[in-house]
N, C-alpha and C. Protein backbone atom coordinates (compact mmCIF):
# COMPACT_ATOMS: atom_id res chain seq x y z
N UNK A 1 0.82 -1.16 0.02
CA UNK A 1 -0.08 0.21 -0.07
C UNK A 1 0.72 1.24 0.07
N UNK A 2 0.53 2.28 -0.68
CA UNK A 2 1.35 3.45 -1.01
C UNK A 2 0.98 4.43 0.29
N UNK A 3 1.45 5.55 0.18
CA UNK A 3 1.50 6.65 0.98
C UNK A 3 0.95 8.05 0.23
N UNK A 4 0.00 8.66 0.78
CA UNK A 4 -0.63 10.03 0.20
C UNK A 4 -0.36 11.01 1.46
N UNK A 5 0.18 11.90 1.10
CA UNK A 5 0.34 13.05 2.19
C UNK A 5 -0.08 14.48 1.40
N UNK A 6 -0.53 15.09 2.33
CA UNK A 6 -1.29 16.36 1.88
C UNK A 6 -1.05 17.37 3.10
N UNK A 7 -0.84 18.68 2.80
CA UNK A 7 -0.76 19.65 3.85
C UNK A 7 -2.10 20.64 3.77
N UNK A 8 -2.40 21.02 4.77
CA UNK A 8 -3.29 22.32 4.89
C UNK A 8 -3.19 23.05 6.31
N UNK A 9 -3.43 24.33 5.86
CA UNK A 9 -3.30 25.26 7.02
C UNK A 9 -4.51 25.24 7.83
N UNK A 10 -4.25 25.14 9.09
CA UNK A 10 -5.52 25.32 9.95
C UNK A 10 -5.75 26.77 10.35
N UNK A 11 -6.58 27.09 10.93
CA UNK A 11 -7.05 28.39 11.29
C UNK A 11 -6.44 28.89 12.26
N UNK A 12 -5.81 28.08 13.20
CA UNK A 12 -5.16 28.41 14.53
C UNK A 12 -3.71 28.45 14.62
N UNK A 13 -3.11 28.69 13.25
CA UNK A 13 -1.56 28.67 13.39
C UNK A 13 -0.89 27.41 13.24
N UNK A 14 -1.54 26.19 13.01
CA UNK A 14 -0.97 25.12 12.76
C UNK A 14 -1.09 24.79 11.32
N UNK A 15 -0.10 23.88 10.86
CA UNK A 15 -0.32 23.14 9.68
C UNK A 15 -0.47 21.69 9.62
N UNK A 16 -1.48 21.20 9.34
CA UNK A 16 -1.66 19.65 9.27
C UNK A 16 -0.88 18.93 8.13
N UNK A 17 -0.20 18.09 8.45
CA UNK A 17 0.27 17.09 7.40
C UNK A 17 -0.31 15.90 7.58
N UNK A 18 -1.60 15.47 6.68
CA UNK A 18 -2.27 14.40 6.68
C UNK A 18 -1.67 13.39 5.81
N UNK A 19 -1.70 12.14 6.56
CA UNK A 19 -1.00 11.03 6.01
C UNK A 19 -2.16 9.84 5.91
N UNK A 20 -2.09 9.32 4.63
CA UNK A 20 -2.91 8.33 4.42
C UNK A 20 -2.06 7.16 4.05
N UNK A 21 -2.51 5.76 4.58
CA UNK A 21 -1.72 4.57 4.03
C UNK A 21 -0.76 4.16 5.14
N UNK A 22 0.25 3.36 4.74
CA UNK A 22 1.36 2.88 5.71
C UNK A 22 2.51 3.56 5.73
N UNK A 23 2.94 3.87 6.78
CA UNK A 23 4.35 4.41 7.10
C UNK A 23 5.21 3.48 7.56
N UNK A 24 6.40 3.05 6.64
CA UNK A 24 7.12 2.06 7.07
C UNK A 24 8.58 2.30 6.11
N UNK A 25 9.39 1.23 6.29
CA UNK A 25 10.75 1.43 5.53
C UNK A 25 10.49 1.98 4.27
N UNK A 26 9.55 1.37 3.47
CA UNK A 26 9.65 1.70 2.03
C UNK A 26 8.99 3.13 1.94
N UNK A 27 8.13 3.67 2.78
CA UNK A 27 7.45 5.15 2.66
C UNK A 27 7.79 6.11 3.63
N UNK A 28 8.69 5.78 4.57
CA UNK A 28 9.22 6.86 5.64
C UNK A 28 9.80 8.07 5.00
N UNK A 29 10.48 7.90 3.96
CA UNK A 29 11.21 9.09 3.44
C UNK A 29 10.27 10.10 2.75
N UNK A 30 9.11 9.53 2.14
CA UNK A 30 8.11 10.45 1.88
C UNK A 30 7.60 11.28 2.99
N UNK A 31 7.41 10.65 4.06
CA UNK A 31 6.71 11.48 5.25
C UNK A 31 7.96 12.43 5.87
N UNK A 32 9.07 11.94 5.89
CA UNK A 32 10.26 12.89 6.47
C UNK A 32 10.53 14.10 5.46
N UNK A 33 10.50 13.99 4.20
CA UNK A 33 10.36 14.97 3.20
C UNK A 33 9.33 15.98 3.51
N UNK A 34 8.06 15.49 3.52
CA UNK A 34 7.02 16.26 3.88
C UNK A 34 6.96 17.21 5.19
N UNK A 35 7.48 16.66 6.01
CA UNK A 35 7.88 17.35 7.49
C UNK A 35 9.10 18.18 7.22
N UNK A 36 9.92 17.89 6.55
CA UNK A 36 11.29 18.84 6.24
C UNK A 36 10.81 20.13 5.41
N UNK A 37 9.90 19.65 4.44
CA UNK A 37 9.50 20.90 3.49
C UNK A 37 8.74 21.97 4.48
N UNK A 38 7.82 21.51 5.44
CA UNK A 38 7.07 22.54 6.23
C UNK A 38 7.97 23.22 7.12
N UNK A 39 8.98 22.43 7.61
CA UNK A 39 10.09 22.78 8.64
C UNK A 39 10.90 23.92 7.75
N UNK A 40 11.00 23.75 6.61
CA UNK A 40 11.87 24.78 5.72
C UNK A 40 11.17 26.02 5.49
N UNK A 41 9.90 25.76 5.35
CA UNK A 41 9.02 27.11 5.30
C UNK A 41 9.41 28.07 6.46
N UNK A 42 9.82 27.64 7.66
CA UNK A 42 9.96 28.45 8.70
C UNK A 42 8.51 28.96 9.58
N UNK A 43 7.43 28.81 9.26
CA UNK A 43 6.27 29.46 9.82
C UNK A 43 5.41 28.23 10.48
N UNK A 44 4.55 28.66 11.42
CA UNK A 44 3.86 27.76 12.18
C UNK A 44 4.06 26.56 12.73
N UNK A 45 3.05 26.02 13.59
CA UNK A 45 3.43 24.79 14.23
C UNK A 45 2.89 23.54 13.34
N UNK A 46 3.38 22.45 13.48
CA UNK A 46 3.05 21.21 12.70
C UNK A 46 2.32 20.17 13.73
N UNK A 47 1.22 19.53 12.81
CA UNK A 47 0.71 18.37 13.47
C UNK A 47 0.66 17.41 12.42
N UNK A 48 1.17 16.29 12.60
CA UNK A 48 1.17 15.10 11.70
C UNK A 48 -0.22 14.40 12.01
N UNK A 49 -1.09 14.45 11.03
CA UNK A 49 -2.38 13.73 11.16
C UNK A 49 -2.38 12.47 10.69
N UNK A 50 -2.14 11.50 11.76
CA UNK A 50 -2.30 10.06 11.24
C UNK A 50 -3.46 9.28 11.44
N UNK A 51 -4.56 9.91 11.54
CA UNK A 51 -6.00 9.53 11.71
C UNK A 51 -6.39 8.60 10.59
N UNK A 52 -5.98 8.76 9.42
CA UNK A 52 -6.24 8.11 8.23
C UNK A 52 -5.27 6.95 7.73
N UNK A 53 -4.20 6.88 8.73
CA UNK A 53 -2.97 5.98 8.31
C UNK A 53 -3.48 4.55 8.92
N UNK A 54 -3.04 3.54 8.35
CA UNK A 54 -3.52 2.14 8.73
C UNK A 54 -2.32 1.38 9.49
N UNK A 55 -1.06 1.92 9.32
CA UNK A 55 0.08 1.19 9.97
C UNK A 55 1.22 2.11 10.04
N UNK A 56 2.01 1.95 11.05
CA UNK A 56 3.52 2.56 11.07
C UNK A 56 4.38 1.72 11.82
N UNK A 57 5.49 1.69 11.31
CA UNK A 57 6.52 0.87 11.95
C UNK A 57 7.51 1.68 12.92
N UNK A 58 8.50 1.21 13.46
CA UNK A 58 9.54 1.75 14.04
C UNK A 58 10.39 2.86 13.32
N UNK A 59 10.48 2.84 11.99
CA UNK A 59 11.01 3.91 11.12
C UNK A 59 10.29 5.10 11.17
N UNK A 60 8.84 4.89 10.95
CA UNK A 60 7.97 6.00 11.07
C UNK A 60 7.92 6.80 12.56
N UNK A 61 8.04 5.83 13.60
CA UNK A 61 8.17 6.69 14.97
C UNK A 61 9.41 7.31 15.12
N UNK A 62 10.49 6.79 14.55
CA UNK A 62 11.81 7.46 14.80
C UNK A 62 11.85 8.80 13.96
N UNK A 63 11.14 8.84 12.83
CA UNK A 63 11.09 10.09 12.09
C UNK A 63 10.21 11.27 12.74
N UNK A 64 9.20 10.75 13.51
CA UNK A 64 8.35 11.66 14.29
C UNK A 64 9.18 12.28 15.53
N UNK A 65 9.73 11.30 15.96
CA UNK A 65 10.66 11.78 17.35
C UNK A 65 11.72 12.75 16.83
N UNK A 66 12.61 12.32 15.66
CA UNK A 66 13.66 13.28 15.39
C UNK A 66 13.07 14.75 14.87
N UNK A 67 11.70 14.78 13.97
CA UNK A 67 11.27 15.89 13.61
C UNK A 67 10.79 16.74 14.77
N UNK A 68 10.34 16.12 15.89
CA UNK A 68 9.60 16.73 17.15
C UNK A 68 11.14 17.61 17.80
N UNK A 69 12.23 16.86 17.79
CA UNK A 69 13.26 17.56 18.28
C UNK A 69 13.80 18.79 17.50
N UNK A 70 13.58 18.65 16.22
CA UNK A 70 14.02 19.66 15.15
C UNK A 70 13.15 20.84 15.48
N UNK A 71 11.88 20.70 15.57
CA UNK A 71 10.95 21.70 15.79
C UNK A 71 11.18 22.37 17.23
N UNK A 72 11.20 21.47 18.04
CA UNK A 72 11.41 22.04 19.57
C UNK A 72 12.56 22.73 19.62
N UNK A 73 13.75 22.47 18.89
CA UNK A 73 15.02 23.18 19.04
C UNK A 73 14.85 24.71 18.53
N UNK A 74 13.96 24.90 17.65
CA UNK A 74 13.80 26.31 17.22
C UNK A 74 12.43 26.94 17.65
N UNK A 75 11.86 26.32 18.76
CA UNK A 75 10.71 27.04 19.38
C UNK A 75 9.39 26.84 18.74
N UNK A 76 9.34 25.77 17.73
CA UNK A 76 8.06 25.56 17.07
C UNK A 76 7.37 24.27 17.61
N UNK A 77 5.98 24.26 17.60
CA UNK A 77 5.25 22.98 18.21
C UNK A 77 5.16 22.05 17.24
N UNK A 78 5.19 20.83 17.65
CA UNK A 78 5.02 19.70 16.94
C UNK A 78 4.03 18.70 17.53
N UNK A 79 3.03 18.23 17.01
CA UNK A 79 2.24 17.34 17.42
C UNK A 79 1.62 16.04 16.62
N UNK A 80 0.99 15.22 17.11
CA UNK A 80 0.56 13.96 16.31
C UNK A 80 -1.06 14.02 16.61
N UNK A 81 -1.76 13.70 15.51
CA UNK A 81 -3.19 13.51 15.62
C UNK A 81 -3.40 12.01 15.35
N UNK A 82 -3.83 11.16 16.29
CA UNK A 82 -4.11 9.75 16.12
C UNK A 82 -5.01 9.30 17.35
N UNK A 83 -6.01 8.49 16.81
CA UNK A 83 -6.81 8.07 17.83
C UNK A 83 -7.19 6.42 17.59
N UNK A 84 -6.84 5.67 18.52
CA UNK A 84 -7.29 4.40 18.46
C UNK A 84 -6.43 3.61 17.19
N UNK A 85 -6.44 2.32 17.20
CA UNK A 85 -5.79 1.32 16.26
C UNK A 85 -4.42 1.18 16.54
N UNK A 86 -3.66 0.60 15.44
CA UNK A 86 -2.31 0.10 15.79
C UNK A 86 -1.18 1.00 15.83
N UNK A 87 -1.37 2.31 15.25
CA UNK A 87 -0.69 3.53 15.24
C UNK A 87 -0.67 4.03 16.80
N UNK A 88 -1.92 4.12 17.16
CA UNK A 88 -1.85 4.67 18.44
C UNK A 88 -1.36 3.83 19.58
N UNK A 89 -1.62 2.54 19.44
CA UNK A 89 -0.93 1.63 20.41
C UNK A 89 0.53 1.74 20.33
N UNK A 90 1.00 1.77 19.26
CA UNK A 90 2.64 1.87 19.05
C UNK A 90 3.05 3.22 19.66
N UNK A 91 2.31 4.16 19.54
CA UNK A 91 2.97 5.40 20.25
C UNK A 91 2.66 5.44 21.71
N UNK A 92 1.48 4.56 22.23
CA UNK A 92 1.33 4.59 23.73
C UNK A 92 2.53 3.62 24.17
N UNK A 93 2.73 2.55 23.53
CA UNK A 93 3.62 1.57 24.20
C UNK A 93 5.06 2.08 24.22
N UNK A 94 5.44 2.97 23.33
CA UNK A 94 6.86 3.27 23.10
C UNK A 94 6.91 4.44 24.10
N UNK A 95 5.93 5.13 24.44
CA UNK A 95 5.99 6.23 25.54
C UNK A 95 6.34 7.53 24.55
N UNK A 96 6.27 7.55 23.47
CA UNK A 96 6.28 8.79 22.42
C UNK A 96 5.13 9.97 22.99
N UNK A 97 4.00 9.42 23.45
CA UNK A 97 3.04 10.27 23.83
C UNK A 97 3.35 10.96 25.23
N UNK A 98 4.23 10.75 25.69
CA UNK A 98 4.82 11.36 26.97
C UNK A 98 5.72 12.64 26.59
N UNK A 99 6.30 12.61 25.27
CA UNK A 99 7.12 13.45 24.81
C UNK A 99 6.58 14.44 23.76
N UNK A 100 5.84 13.77 22.67
CA UNK A 100 5.25 14.70 21.77
C UNK A 100 3.68 14.77 22.21
N UNK A 101 3.34 16.00 22.12
CA UNK A 101 1.83 16.21 21.98
C UNK A 101 0.92 15.48 21.16
N UNK A 102 -0.03 14.62 21.71
CA UNK A 102 -0.93 13.86 21.00
C UNK A 102 -2.33 14.07 21.23
N UNK A 103 -3.06 14.40 20.06
CA UNK A 103 -4.46 14.55 20.28
C UNK A 103 -5.26 13.55 19.38
N UNK A 104 -6.45 13.54 19.72
CA UNK A 104 -7.26 12.43 18.88
C UNK A 104 -7.47 12.93 17.40
N UNK A 105 -7.66 14.37 17.05
CA UNK A 105 -7.77 14.92 15.75
C UNK A 105 -7.39 16.44 15.71
N UNK A 106 -7.13 16.88 14.52
CA UNK A 106 -6.49 18.25 14.66
C UNK A 106 -7.29 19.15 15.00
N UNK A 107 -8.49 19.07 15.09
CA UNK A 107 -9.47 20.00 15.70
C UNK A 107 -9.35 20.19 17.18
N UNK A 108 -8.73 19.29 17.79
CA UNK A 108 -8.37 19.27 19.33
C UNK A 108 -7.07 20.22 19.50
N UNK A 109 -6.47 21.03 18.75
CA UNK A 109 -5.27 21.56 18.95
C UNK A 109 -5.51 22.97 19.74
N UNK A 110 -6.50 23.40 19.60
CA UNK A 110 -6.85 24.75 20.07
C UNK A 110 -5.71 25.70 20.41
């Protein structure tokens, strides 16, 4: 299964990177490139919206953790939107939700 990524500006100063499909070794570079492009633009906070994703392995998790650090280093917020399912379980079990703000959907960023 492939990966589809799209960006949209939210009205609250956040940029949502919506990810559909599976994030794994074969597709993680696409996710990282999308996050890096938003970072390079220099504005806004970022939420990676995984609510339509079906799977993520440890390479995707690593990309999120490293991206969070990069955004944090320059004072920009970074969050993950995910609710239920295997990705949420991976994030919970890894403890990433203790470091990276995690919300059920992008509308909950307020």
